[in-house]
């Protein structure tokens, strides 16, 4: 569930390339064709999206673990 929430928080262009490349398993070149962006732009969006997702998921995991420690 945390991943879905983190994906929703991404800017639309970043979310689109993540879904096309990682969830639908399209190659970068196909993602570029589908979005009308250059290969370089797709790579940049994926890189930024992965970084943002990593930060959001790490923050949520730490928050969840901290909450469990206080309530356990």
C-alpha atoms as a PDB file:
ATOM      1  CA  UNK A   1       0.000   0.000   0.000  1.00  0.00           C
ATOM      2  CA  UNK A   2       2.860   2.373   0.769  1.00  0.00           C
ATOM      3  CA  UNK A   3       4.157   2.015  -2.803  1.00  0.00           C
ATOM      4  CA  UNK A   4       0.787   2.974  -4.280  1.00  0.00           C
ATOM      5  CA  UNK A   5       0.607   6.029  -2.023  1.00  0.00           C
ATOM      6  CA  UNK A   6       4.175   7.008  -2.911  1.00  0.00           C
ATOM      7  CA  UNK A   7       3.400   6.640  -6.639  1.00  0.00           C
ATOM      8  CA  UNK A   8       0.359   8.900  -6.258  1.00  0.00           C
ATOM      9  CA  UNK A   9       2.575  11.603  -4.764  1.00  0.00           C
ATOM     10  CA  UNK A  10       4.913  11.691  -7.776  1.00  0.00           C
ATOM     11  CA  UNK A  11       4.500  14.363 -10.439  1.00  0.00           C
ATOM     12  CA  UNK A  12       2.383  12.967 -13.310  1.00  0.00           C
ATOM     13  CA  UNK A  13       5.272  12.720 -15.806  1.00  0.00           C
ATOM     14  CA  UNK A  14       7.402  10.765 -13.357  1.00  0.00           C
ATOM     15  CA  UNK A  15       4.536   8.495 -12.348  1.00  0.00           C
ATOM     16  CA  UNK A  16       3.766   7.794 -16.011  1.00  0.00           C
ATOM     17  CA  UNK A  17       7.284   6.615 -16.870  1.00  0.00           C
ATOM     18  CA  UNK A  18       7.522   4.479 -13.722  1.00  0.00           C
ATOM     19  CA  UNK A  19       4.240   2.756 -14.552  1.00  0.00           C
ATOM     20  CA  UNK A  20       5.137   2.202 -18.202  1.00  0.00           C
ATOM     21  CA  UNK A  21       8.690   1.011 -17.572  1.00  0.00           C
ATOM     22  CA  UNK A  22       8.524  -0.833 -14.260  1.00  0.00           C
ATOM     23  CA  UNK A  23       4.931  -2.004 -14.027  1.00  0.00           C
ATOM     24  CA  UNK A  24       4.159  -2.622 -17.708  1.00  0.00           C
ATOM     25  CA  UNK A  25       7.754  -3.643 -18.432  1.00  0.00           C
ATOM     26  CA  UNK A  26       8.132  -1.465 -21.542  1.00  0.00           C
ATOM     27  CA  UNK A  27      11.679  -0.747 -22.736  1.00  0.00           C
ATOM     28  CA  UNK A  28      12.889   2.845 -22.388  1.00  0.00           C
ATOM     29  CA  UNK A  29      12.579   3.449 -26.117  1.00  0.00           C
ATOM     30  CA  UNK A  30       8.917   2.409 -26.070  1.00  0.00           C
ATOM     31  CA  UNK A  31       8.238   4.599 -23.022  1.00  0.00           C
ATOM     32  CA  UNK A  32       9.759   7.515 -24.954  1.00  0.00           C
ATOM     33  CA  UNK A  33       7.486   6.819 -27.922  1.00  0.00           C
ATOM     34  CA  UNK A  34       4.395   6.469 -25.721  1.00  0.00           C
ATOM     35  CA  UNK A  35       5.071   9.700 -23.833  1.00  0.00           C
ATOM     36  CA  UNK A  36       6.475  11.779 -26.680  1.00  0.00           C
ATOM     37  CA  UNK A  37       9.617  12.424 -24.635  1.00  0.00           C
ATOM     38  CA  UNK A  38      13.219  11.826 -25.621  1.00  0.00           C
ATOM     39  CA  UNK A  39      15.105   8.805 -24.269  1.00  0.00           C
ATOM     40  CA  UNK A  40      17.163  11.191 -22.137  1.00  0.00           C
ATOM     41  CA  UNK A  41      14.051  12.792 -20.666  1.00  0.00           C
ATOM     42  CA  UNK A  42      12.627   9.358 -19.838  1.00  0.00           C
ATOM     43  CA  UNK A  43      15.864   8.376 -18.104  1.00  0.00           C
ATOM     44  CA  UNK A  44      15.880  11.628 -16.123  1.00  0.00           C
ATOM     45  CA  UNK A  45      12.249  11.204 -15.069  1.00  0.00           C
ATOM     46  CA  UNK A  46      12.884   7.605 -14.016  1.00  0.00           C
ATOM     47  CA  UNK A  47      15.951   8.601 -12.037  1.00  0.00           C
ATOM     48  CA  UNK A  48      14.112  11.386 -10.220  1.00  0.00           C
ATOM     49  CA  UNK A  49      11.100   9.171  -9.607  1.00  0.00           C
ATOM     50  CA  UNK A  50      13.233   6.343  -8.181  1.00  0.00           C
ATOM     51  CA  UNK A  51      14.981   8.776  -5.865  1.00  0.00           C
ATOM     52  CA  UNK A  52      11.685  10.279  -4.696  1.00  0.00           C
ATOM     53  CA  UNK A  53      10.103   6.857  -4.213  1.00  0.00           C
ATOM     54  CA  UNK A  54      13.119   5.638  -2.267  1.00  0.00           C
ATOM     55  CA  UNK A  55      12.964   8.644   0.030  1.00  0.00           C
ATOM     56  CA  UNK A  56       9.219   8.380   0.548  1.00  0.00           C
ATOM     57  CA  UNK A  57       9.282   4.643   1.183  1.00  0.00           C
ATOM     58  CA  UNK A  58      12.257   4.936   3.545  1.00  0.00           C
ATOM     59  CA  UNK A  59      10.485   7.713   5.461  1.00  0.00           C
ATOM     60  CA  UNK A  60       7.305   5.650   5.729  1.00  0.00           C
ATOM     61  CA  UNK A  61       9.180   2.525   6.804  1.00  0.00           C
ATOM     62  CA  UNK A  62      11.046   4.442   9.506  1.00  0.00           C
ATOM     63  CA  UNK A  63       7.807   6.065  10.671  1.00  0.00           C
ATOM     64  CA  UNK A  64       6.001   2.723  10.775  1.00  0.00           C
ATOM     65  CA  UNK A  65       8.836   1.002  12.631  1.00  0.00           C
ATOM     66  CA  UNK A  66       9.060   3.887  15.110  1.00  0.00           C
ATOM     67  CA  UNK A  67       5.328   3.740  15.737  1.00  0.00           C
ATOM     68  CA  UNK A  68       5.474  -0.016  16.276  1.00  0.00           C
ATOM     69  CA  UNK A  69       8.342   0.391  18.758  1.00  0.00           C
ATOM     70  CA  UNK A  70       6.330   2.901  20.786  1.00  0.00           C
ATOM     71  CA  UNK A  71       3.181   0.803  20.741  1.00  0.00           C
ATOM     72  CA  UNK A  72       4.790  -2.596  21.254  1.00  0.00           C
END
